[in-house]
Amino acid sequence: MKKLLFCLLLIPAIGFSQGTADSKPAQDNGPQFQFKEDTWDFGNIPEGVPAVHTFEFTSVGKEPIVISQSTASCGCTTPVWTKEPVVPGKTGIVAVTYNAAREGSFVKTVTVLSNTGEPKYLTIKGNVVPNPHK
């Protein structure tokens, strides 16, 4: 009986003595970027006139940022980005063009993949209104 009681007390003690796995890594000294904003509202834009916004970022990590790919949530949105590595302290861009072909409100997302290991999501939104010059 003493052995059973000892075993029952030993099992939780072993579990509590184990270190917990931290779900977040310690301070990451690798590549990191910081965008000035991650959402842009165009407001009202005329139908048939492309709208462009340039998202600017700064490389704030210890290693250069390299953007490998930027993809839009639909074919009406086109991203263009800095292709060269962006060294710490310098800036780069992701320019997003929205083809305002149809009237109505929109919300579109661009997914930026880089060597940071986590995707960055940029959002554009607005409302396409009839073009008075059409």
N, C-alpha and C. Protein backbone atom coordinates (compact mmCIF):
# COMPACT_ATOMS: atom_id res chain seq x y z
N MET A 1 0.82 -1.18 0.00
CA MET A 1 0.00 0.00 0.00
C MET A 1 0.87 1.26 0.00
N LYS A 2 1.96 1.23 0.78
CA LYS A 2 2.86 2.37 0.81
C LYS A 2 3.51 2.58 -0.55
N LYS A 3 3.82 1.49 -1.25
CA LYS A 3 4.42 1.61 -2.58
C LYS A 3 3.45 2.25 -3.56
N LEU A 4 2.18 1.86 -3.50
CA LEU A 4 1.16 2.42 -4.37
C LEU A 4 0.99 3.92 -4.10
N LEU A 5 0.91 4.30 -2.84
CA LEU A 5 0.78 5.70 -2.47
C LEU A 5 2.01 6.48 -2.92
N PHE A 6 3.19 5.91 -2.74
CA PHE A 6 4.43 6.55 -3.16
C PHE A 6 4.42 6.79 -4.68
N CYS A 7 4.00 5.77 -5.45
CA CYS A 7 3.94 5.90 -6.91
C CYS A 7 2.93 6.95 -7.34
N LEU A 8 1.78 7.00 -6.68
CA LEU A 8 0.76 7.98 -7.03
C LEU A 8 1.23 9.40 -6.74
N LEU A 9 2.03 9.60 -5.72
CA LEU A 9 2.57 10.92 -5.41
C LEU A 9 3.77 11.26 -6.28
N LEU A 10 4.49 10.26 -6.73
CA LEU A 10 5.69 10.47 -7.53
C LEU A 10 5.35 10.94 -8.95
N ILE A 11 4.29 10.40 -9.53
CA ILE A 11 3.93 10.74 -10.91
C ILE A 11 3.65 12.24 -11.07
N PRO A 12 2.79 12.85 -10.24
CA PRO A 12 2.59 14.30 -10.41
C PRO A 12 3.85 15.11 -10.11
N ALA A 13 4.66 14.66 -9.18
CA ALA A 13 5.89 15.38 -8.85
C ALA A 13 6.82 15.41 -10.05
N ILE A 14 6.90 14.32 -10.77
CA ILE A 14 7.75 14.28 -11.97
C ILE A 14 7.20 15.24 -13.02
N GLY A 15 5.89 15.24 -13.19
CA GLY A 15 5.27 16.13 -14.17
C GLY A 15 5.51 17.60 -13.86
N PHE A 16 5.39 17.98 -12.59
CA PHE A 16 5.60 19.38 -12.20
C PHE A 16 7.06 19.79 -12.26
N SER A 17 7.96 18.85 -12.15
CA SER A 17 9.38 19.19 -12.16
C SER A 17 9.90 19.44 -13.57
N GLN A 18 9.16 19.04 -14.59
CA GLN A 18 9.59 19.24 -15.97
C GLN A 18 9.36 20.69 -16.37
N GLY A 19 10.30 21.26 -17.10
CA GLY A 19 10.13 22.63 -17.59
C GLY A 19 9.02 22.67 -18.61
N THR A 20 8.32 23.78 -18.67
CA THR A 20 7.26 23.91 -19.65
C THR A 20 7.85 24.43 -20.96
N ALA A 21 7.28 23.97 -22.05
CA ALA A 21 7.73 24.42 -23.36
C ALA A 21 7.13 25.79 -23.62
N ASP A 22 7.96 26.74 -23.94
CA ASP A 22 7.49 28.08 -24.23
C ASP A 22 6.98 28.11 -25.66
N SER A 23 5.73 28.54 -25.86
CA SER A 23 5.16 28.55 -27.19
C SER A 23 5.77 29.65 -28.06
N LYS A 24 6.37 30.65 -27.45
CA LYS A 24 7.02 31.71 -28.21
C LYS A 24 8.53 31.58 -28.03
N PRO A 25 9.28 31.72 -29.12
CA PRO A 25 10.72 31.63 -28.97
C PRO A 25 11.26 32.82 -28.18
N ALA A 26 12.42 32.65 -27.61
CA ALA A 26 13.07 33.75 -26.90
C ALA A 26 13.32 34.88 -27.89
N GLN A 27 13.73 36.02 -27.41
CA GLN A 27 13.95 37.19 -28.25
C GLN A 27 14.60 36.79 -29.57
N ASP A 28 13.89 37.01 -30.65
CA ASP A 28 14.37 36.62 -31.97
C ASP A 28 15.30 37.71 -32.50
N ASN A 29 16.50 37.34 -32.80
CA ASN A 29 17.47 38.30 -33.33
C ASN A 29 17.61 38.20 -34.83
N GLY A 30 16.75 37.42 -35.48
CA GLY A 30 16.80 37.25 -36.93
C GLY A 30 16.14 38.41 -37.64
N PRO A 31 15.75 38.19 -38.89
CA PRO A 31 15.12 39.24 -39.68
C PRO A 31 13.72 39.57 -39.15
N GLN A 32 13.43 40.86 -39.08
CA GLN A 32 12.11 41.34 -38.65
C GLN A 32 11.82 42.63 -39.40
N PHE A 33 10.53 42.86 -39.68
CA PHE A 33 10.19 44.15 -40.26
C PHE A 33 9.02 44.77 -39.53
N GLN A 34 8.94 46.09 -39.67
CA GLN A 34 7.86 46.85 -39.04
C GLN A 34 7.26 47.75 -40.11
N PHE A 35 5.96 47.55 -40.39
CA PHE A 35 5.26 48.37 -41.36
C PHE A 35 4.71 49.62 -40.69
N LYS A 36 4.68 50.74 -41.43
CA LYS A 36 4.09 51.97 -40.89
C LYS A 36 2.61 51.77 -40.61
N GLU A 37 1.94 51.02 -41.50
CA GLU A 37 0.55 50.63 -41.30
C GLU A 37 0.34 49.31 -42.03
N ASP A 38 -0.66 48.56 -41.61
CA ASP A 38 -0.94 47.31 -42.30
C ASP A 38 -2.33 47.31 -42.94
N THR A 39 -3.05 48.43 -42.81
CA THR A 39 -4.36 48.59 -43.46
C THR A 39 -4.42 49.98 -44.09
N TRP A 40 -4.98 50.04 -45.30
CA TRP A 40 -5.15 51.32 -45.97
C TRP A 40 -6.57 51.43 -46.50
N ASP A 41 -7.22 52.55 -46.19
CA ASP A 41 -8.58 52.81 -46.66
C ASP A 41 -8.51 53.88 -47.74
N PHE A 42 -8.85 53.49 -48.98
CA PHE A 42 -8.84 54.44 -50.09
C PHE A 42 -10.01 55.41 -50.02
N GLY A 43 -11.04 55.08 -49.24
CA GLY A 43 -12.25 55.89 -49.25
C GLY A 43 -12.99 55.65 -50.56
N ASN A 44 -13.58 56.70 -51.12
CA ASN A 44 -14.28 56.58 -52.41
C ASN A 44 -13.29 56.76 -53.55
N ILE A 45 -13.32 55.83 -54.49
CA ILE A 45 -12.47 55.93 -55.68
C ILE A 45 -13.35 55.75 -56.91
N PRO A 46 -13.03 56.46 -58.02
CA PRO A 46 -13.87 56.36 -59.21
C PRO A 46 -13.68 55.02 -59.94
N GLU A 47 -14.77 54.52 -60.47
CA GLU A 47 -14.75 53.28 -61.23
C GLU A 47 -13.83 53.42 -62.45
N GLY A 48 -13.06 52.40 -62.72
CA GLY A 48 -12.19 52.38 -63.89
C GLY A 48 -10.84 53.04 -63.69
N VAL A 49 -10.58 53.58 -62.52
CA VAL A 49 -9.30 54.24 -62.23
C VAL A 49 -8.56 53.41 -61.19
N PRO A 50 -7.40 52.84 -61.55
CA PRO A 50 -6.66 52.03 -60.57
C PRO A 50 -6.23 52.87 -59.36
N ALA A 51 -6.30 52.25 -58.20
CA ALA A 51 -5.88 52.91 -56.96
C ALA A 51 -4.62 52.22 -56.45
N VAL A 52 -3.63 53.01 -56.05
CA VAL A 52 -2.34 52.46 -55.61
C VAL A 52 -2.01 52.99 -54.22
N HIS A 53 -1.55 52.08 -53.36
CA HIS A 53 -1.00 52.50 -52.07
C HIS A 53 0.32 51.77 -51.85
N THR A 54 1.30 52.49 -51.34
CA THR A 54 2.60 51.91 -51.05
C THR A 54 2.75 51.74 -49.54
N PHE A 55 2.83 50.48 -49.11
CA PHE A 55 3.09 50.15 -47.71
C PHE A 55 4.61 50.17 -47.53
N GLU A 56 5.08 50.98 -46.60
CA GLU A 56 6.52 51.08 -46.34
C GLU A 56 6.86 50.34 -45.05
N PHE A 57 7.99 49.63 -45.08
CA PHE A 57 8.43 48.92 -43.87
C PHE A 57 9.89 49.23 -43.60
N THR A 58 10.29 49.02 -42.35
CA THR A 58 11.68 49.17 -41.93
C THR A 58 12.19 47.82 -41.44
N SER A 59 13.39 47.48 -41.83
CA SER A 59 14.04 46.25 -41.34
C SER A 59 14.55 46.55 -39.93
N VAL A 60 13.96 45.89 -38.91
CA VAL A 60 14.29 46.19 -37.52
C VAL A 60 15.00 45.04 -36.81
N GLY A 61 15.26 43.96 -37.50
CA GLY A 61 15.95 42.83 -36.89
C GLY A 61 17.46 42.95 -37.02
N LYS A 62 18.13 41.85 -36.75
CA LYS A 62 19.60 41.82 -36.83
C LYS A 62 20.09 41.34 -38.19
N GLU A 63 19.18 40.82 -39.02
CA GLU A 63 19.54 40.31 -40.35
C GLU A 63 18.67 40.98 -41.40
N PRO A 64 19.13 41.03 -42.66
CA PRO A 64 18.33 41.63 -43.73
C PRO A 64 17.01 40.89 -43.95
N ILE A 65 16.00 41.63 -44.35
CA ILE A 65 14.70 41.07 -44.74
C ILE A 65 14.76 40.75 -46.22
N VAL A 66 14.25 39.58 -46.58
CA VAL A 66 14.12 39.20 -47.98
C VAL A 66 12.68 38.75 -48.19
N ILE A 67 11.94 39.51 -49.00
CA ILE A 67 10.56 39.13 -49.33
C ILE A 67 10.64 38.17 -50.51
N SER A 68 10.12 36.97 -50.31
CA SER A 68 10.16 35.96 -51.36
C SER A 68 8.93 35.98 -52.24
N GLN A 69 7.80 36.42 -51.69
CA GLN A 69 6.57 36.40 -52.45
C GLN A 69 5.52 37.29 -51.79
N SER A 70 4.70 37.91 -52.62
CA SER A 70 3.52 38.65 -52.14
C SER A 70 2.37 38.24 -53.04
N THR A 71 1.30 37.76 -52.44
CA THR A 71 0.15 37.31 -53.23
C THR A 71 -1.11 38.03 -52.76
N ALA A 72 -1.96 38.34 -53.73
CA ALA A 72 -3.21 39.04 -53.44
C ALA A 72 -4.36 38.05 -53.32
N SER A 73 -5.41 38.48 -52.63
CA SER A 73 -6.57 37.62 -52.42
C SER A 73 -7.43 37.47 -53.67
N CYS A 74 -7.20 38.30 -54.69
CA CYS A 74 -7.93 38.14 -55.95
C CYS A 74 -7.13 38.77 -57.09
N GLY A 75 -7.57 38.51 -58.31
CA GLY A 75 -6.87 39.01 -59.49
C GLY A 75 -7.00 40.50 -59.71
N CYS A 76 -7.88 41.16 -58.98
CA CYS A 76 -8.08 42.60 -59.14
C CYS A 76 -7.04 43.41 -58.36
N THR A 77 -6.19 42.72 -57.62
CA THR A 77 -5.19 43.38 -56.77
C THR A 77 -3.81 42.86 -57.15
N THR A 78 -2.87 43.78 -57.35
CA THR A 78 -1.52 43.40 -57.76
C THR A 78 -0.48 44.00 -56.83
N PRO A 79 0.31 43.16 -56.15
CA PRO A 79 1.40 43.68 -55.32
C PRO A 79 2.73 43.70 -56.07
N VAL A 80 3.54 44.69 -55.77
CA VAL A 80 4.92 44.80 -56.26
C VAL A 80 5.75 45.14 -55.03
N TRP A 81 6.91 44.49 -54.87
CA TRP A 81 7.66 44.66 -53.63
C TRP A 81 9.15 44.80 -53.89
N THR A 82 9.87 45.26 -52.88
CA THR A 82 11.32 45.37 -52.93
C THR A 82 11.91 43.98 -53.08
N LYS A 83 12.66 43.77 -54.15
CA LYS A 83 13.21 42.43 -54.44
C LYS A 83 14.58 42.21 -53.78
N GLU A 84 15.31 43.27 -53.51
CA GLU A 84 16.64 43.15 -52.90
C GLU A 84 16.50 42.97 -51.39
N PRO A 85 17.50 42.35 -50.74
CA PRO A 85 17.48 42.27 -49.27
C PRO A 85 17.48 43.69 -48.67
N VAL A 86 16.70 43.88 -47.62
CA VAL A 86 16.63 45.17 -46.93
C VAL A 86 17.40 45.02 -45.62
N VAL A 87 18.55 45.68 -45.55
CA VAL A 87 19.42 45.54 -44.39
C VAL A 87 18.82 46.27 -43.18
N PRO A 88 19.19 45.86 -41.96
CA PRO A 88 18.66 46.50 -40.76
C PRO A 88 18.82 48.02 -40.79
N GLY A 89 17.73 48.70 -40.43
CA GLY A 89 17.73 50.16 -40.41
C GLY A 89 17.24 50.80 -41.70
N LYS A 90 17.19 50.05 -42.79
CA LYS A 90 16.75 50.59 -44.08
C LYS A 90 15.29 50.25 -44.33
N THR A 91 14.72 50.87 -45.37
CA THR A 91 13.30 50.67 -45.67
C THR A 91 13.10 49.97 -47.00
N GLY A 92 11.95 49.33 -47.11
CA GLY A 92 11.51 48.69 -48.34
C GLY A 92 10.02 48.96 -48.51
N ILE A 93 9.45 48.46 -49.62
CA ILE A 93 8.04 48.73 -49.89
C ILE A 93 7.31 47.50 -50.41
N VAL A 94 6.00 47.54 -50.22
CA VAL A 94 5.08 46.65 -50.92
C VAL A 94 4.01 47.59 -51.47
N ALA A 95 4.02 47.80 -52.80
CA ALA A 95 3.04 48.67 -53.45
C ALA A 95 1.89 47.80 -53.94
N VAL A 96 0.67 48.21 -53.62
CA VAL A 96 -0.52 47.43 -53.95
C VAL A 96 -1.41 48.26 -54.87
N THR A 97 -1.75 47.69 -56.04
CA THR A 97 -2.64 48.35 -57.00
C THR A 97 -3.97 47.60 -57.02
N TYR A 98 -5.06 48.36 -56.87
CA TYR A 98 -6.40 47.78 -56.96
C TYR A 98 -7.04 48.26 -58.25
N ASN A 99 -7.53 47.32 -59.06
CA ASN A 99 -8.20 47.63 -60.31
C ASN A 99 -9.68 47.87 -60.00
N ALA A 100 -10.07 49.12 -59.96
CA ALA A 100 -11.43 49.49 -59.57
C ALA A 100 -12.39 49.33 -60.74
N ALA A 101 -12.62 48.10 -61.16
CA ALA A 101 -13.42 47.83 -62.35
C ALA A 101 -14.92 47.82 -62.08
N ARG A 102 -15.33 47.58 -60.83
CA ARG A 102 -16.76 47.48 -60.52
C ARG A 102 -17.13 48.36 -59.33
N GLU A 103 -18.33 48.89 -59.38
CA GLU A 103 -18.84 49.70 -58.27
C GLU A 103 -19.06 48.83 -57.04
N GLY A 104 -18.93 49.46 -55.88
CA GLY A 104 -19.21 48.78 -54.62
C GLY A 104 -18.01 48.80 -53.69
N SER A 105 -18.27 48.39 -52.46
CA SER A 105 -17.19 48.37 -51.47
C SER A 105 -16.32 47.13 -51.65
N PHE A 106 -15.08 47.22 -51.19
CA PHE A 106 -14.14 46.10 -51.30
C PHE A 106 -13.21 46.07 -50.10
N VAL A 107 -12.75 44.86 -49.79
CA VAL A 107 -11.70 44.63 -48.80
C VAL A 107 -10.83 43.53 -49.39
N LYS A 108 -9.56 43.81 -49.62
CA LYS A 108 -8.63 42.85 -50.23
C LYS A 108 -7.41 42.70 -49.34
N THR A 109 -6.82 41.51 -49.39
CA THR A 109 -5.66 41.20 -48.56
C THR A 109 -4.48 40.80 -49.42
N VAL A 110 -3.30 41.23 -49.03
CA VAL A 110 -2.05 40.80 -49.65
C VAL A 110 -1.25 40.07 -48.58
N THR A 111 -0.81 38.87 -48.91
CA THR A 111 0.00 38.07 -47.99
C THR A 111 1.46 38.20 -48.40
N VAL A 112 2.29 38.66 -47.48
CA VAL A 112 3.72 38.87 -47.74
C VAL A 112 4.50 37.75 -47.06
N LEU A 113 5.24 36.98 -47.86
CA LEU A 113 6.08 35.90 -47.34
C LEU A 113 7.54 36.35 -47.38
N SER A 114 8.24 36.13 -46.29
CA SER A 114 9.63 36.58 -46.19
C SER A 114 10.43 35.60 -45.34
N ASN A 115 11.66 35.95 -45.10
CA ASN A 115 12.53 35.11 -44.28
C ASN A 115 12.32 35.32 -42.78
N THR A 116 11.26 36.03 -42.38
CA THR A 116 10.94 36.16 -40.95
C THR A 116 10.33 34.89 -40.40
N GLY A 117 9.78 34.06 -41.29
CA GLY A 117 9.17 32.81 -40.86
C GLY A 117 7.67 32.90 -40.65
N GLU A 118 7.12 34.11 -40.60
CA GLU A 118 5.68 34.29 -40.42
C GLU A 118 5.14 35.20 -41.52
N PRO A 119 3.98 34.87 -42.10
CA PRO A 119 3.42 35.76 -43.12
C PRO A 119 2.95 37.07 -42.50
N LYS A 120 3.00 38.12 -43.30
CA LYS A 120 2.48 39.43 -42.90
C LYS A 120 1.30 39.72 -43.81
N TYR A 121 0.19 40.17 -43.22
CA TYR A 121 -1.02 40.44 -43.99
C TYR A 121 -1.25 41.95 -44.07
N LEU A 122 -1.39 42.44 -45.30
CA LEU A 122 -1.68 43.84 -45.56
C LEU A 122 -3.09 43.91 -46.15
N THR A 123 -3.85 44.93 -45.76
CA THR A 123 -5.24 45.03 -46.20
C THR A 123 -5.49 46.39 -46.85
N ILE A 124 -6.20 46.35 -47.98
CA ILE A 124 -6.70 47.58 -48.60
C ILE A 124 -8.22 47.49 -48.62
N LYS A 125 -8.85 48.65 -48.50
CA LYS A 125 -10.31 48.67 -48.57
C LYS A 125 -10.75 50.01 -49.13
N GLY A 126 -11.99 50.05 -49.54
CA GLY A 126 -12.52 51.29 -50.09
C GLY A 126 -13.88 51.06 -50.71
N ASN A 127 -14.32 52.06 -51.45
CA ASN A 127 -15.62 52.00 -52.11
C ASN A 127 -15.48 52.58 -53.51
N VAL A 128 -15.83 51.78 -54.51
CA VAL A 128 -15.76 52.23 -55.90
C VAL A 128 -17.10 52.89 -56.25
N VAL A 129 -17.01 54.14 -56.70
CA VAL A 129 -18.21 54.91 -57.05
C VAL A 129 -18.23 55.15 -58.56
N PRO A 130 -19.40 55.47 -59.12
CA PRO A 130 -19.47 55.73 -60.57
C PRO A 130 -18.51 56.85 -60.97
N ASN A 131 -17.87 56.67 -62.11
CA ASN A 131 -16.93 57.66 -62.61
C ASN A 131 -17.71 58.73 -63.37
N PRO A 132 -17.65 59.99 -62.93
CA PRO A 132 -18.41 61.04 -63.61
C PRO A 132 -17.86 61.36 -65.00
N HIS A 133 -16.64 60.93 -65.31
CA HIS A 133 -16.02 61.22 -66.61
C HIS A 133 -16.16 60.07 -67.58
N LYS A 134 -16.99 59.11 -67.28
CA LYS A 134 -17.15 57.94 -68.14
C LYS A 134 -18.30 58.10 -69.08
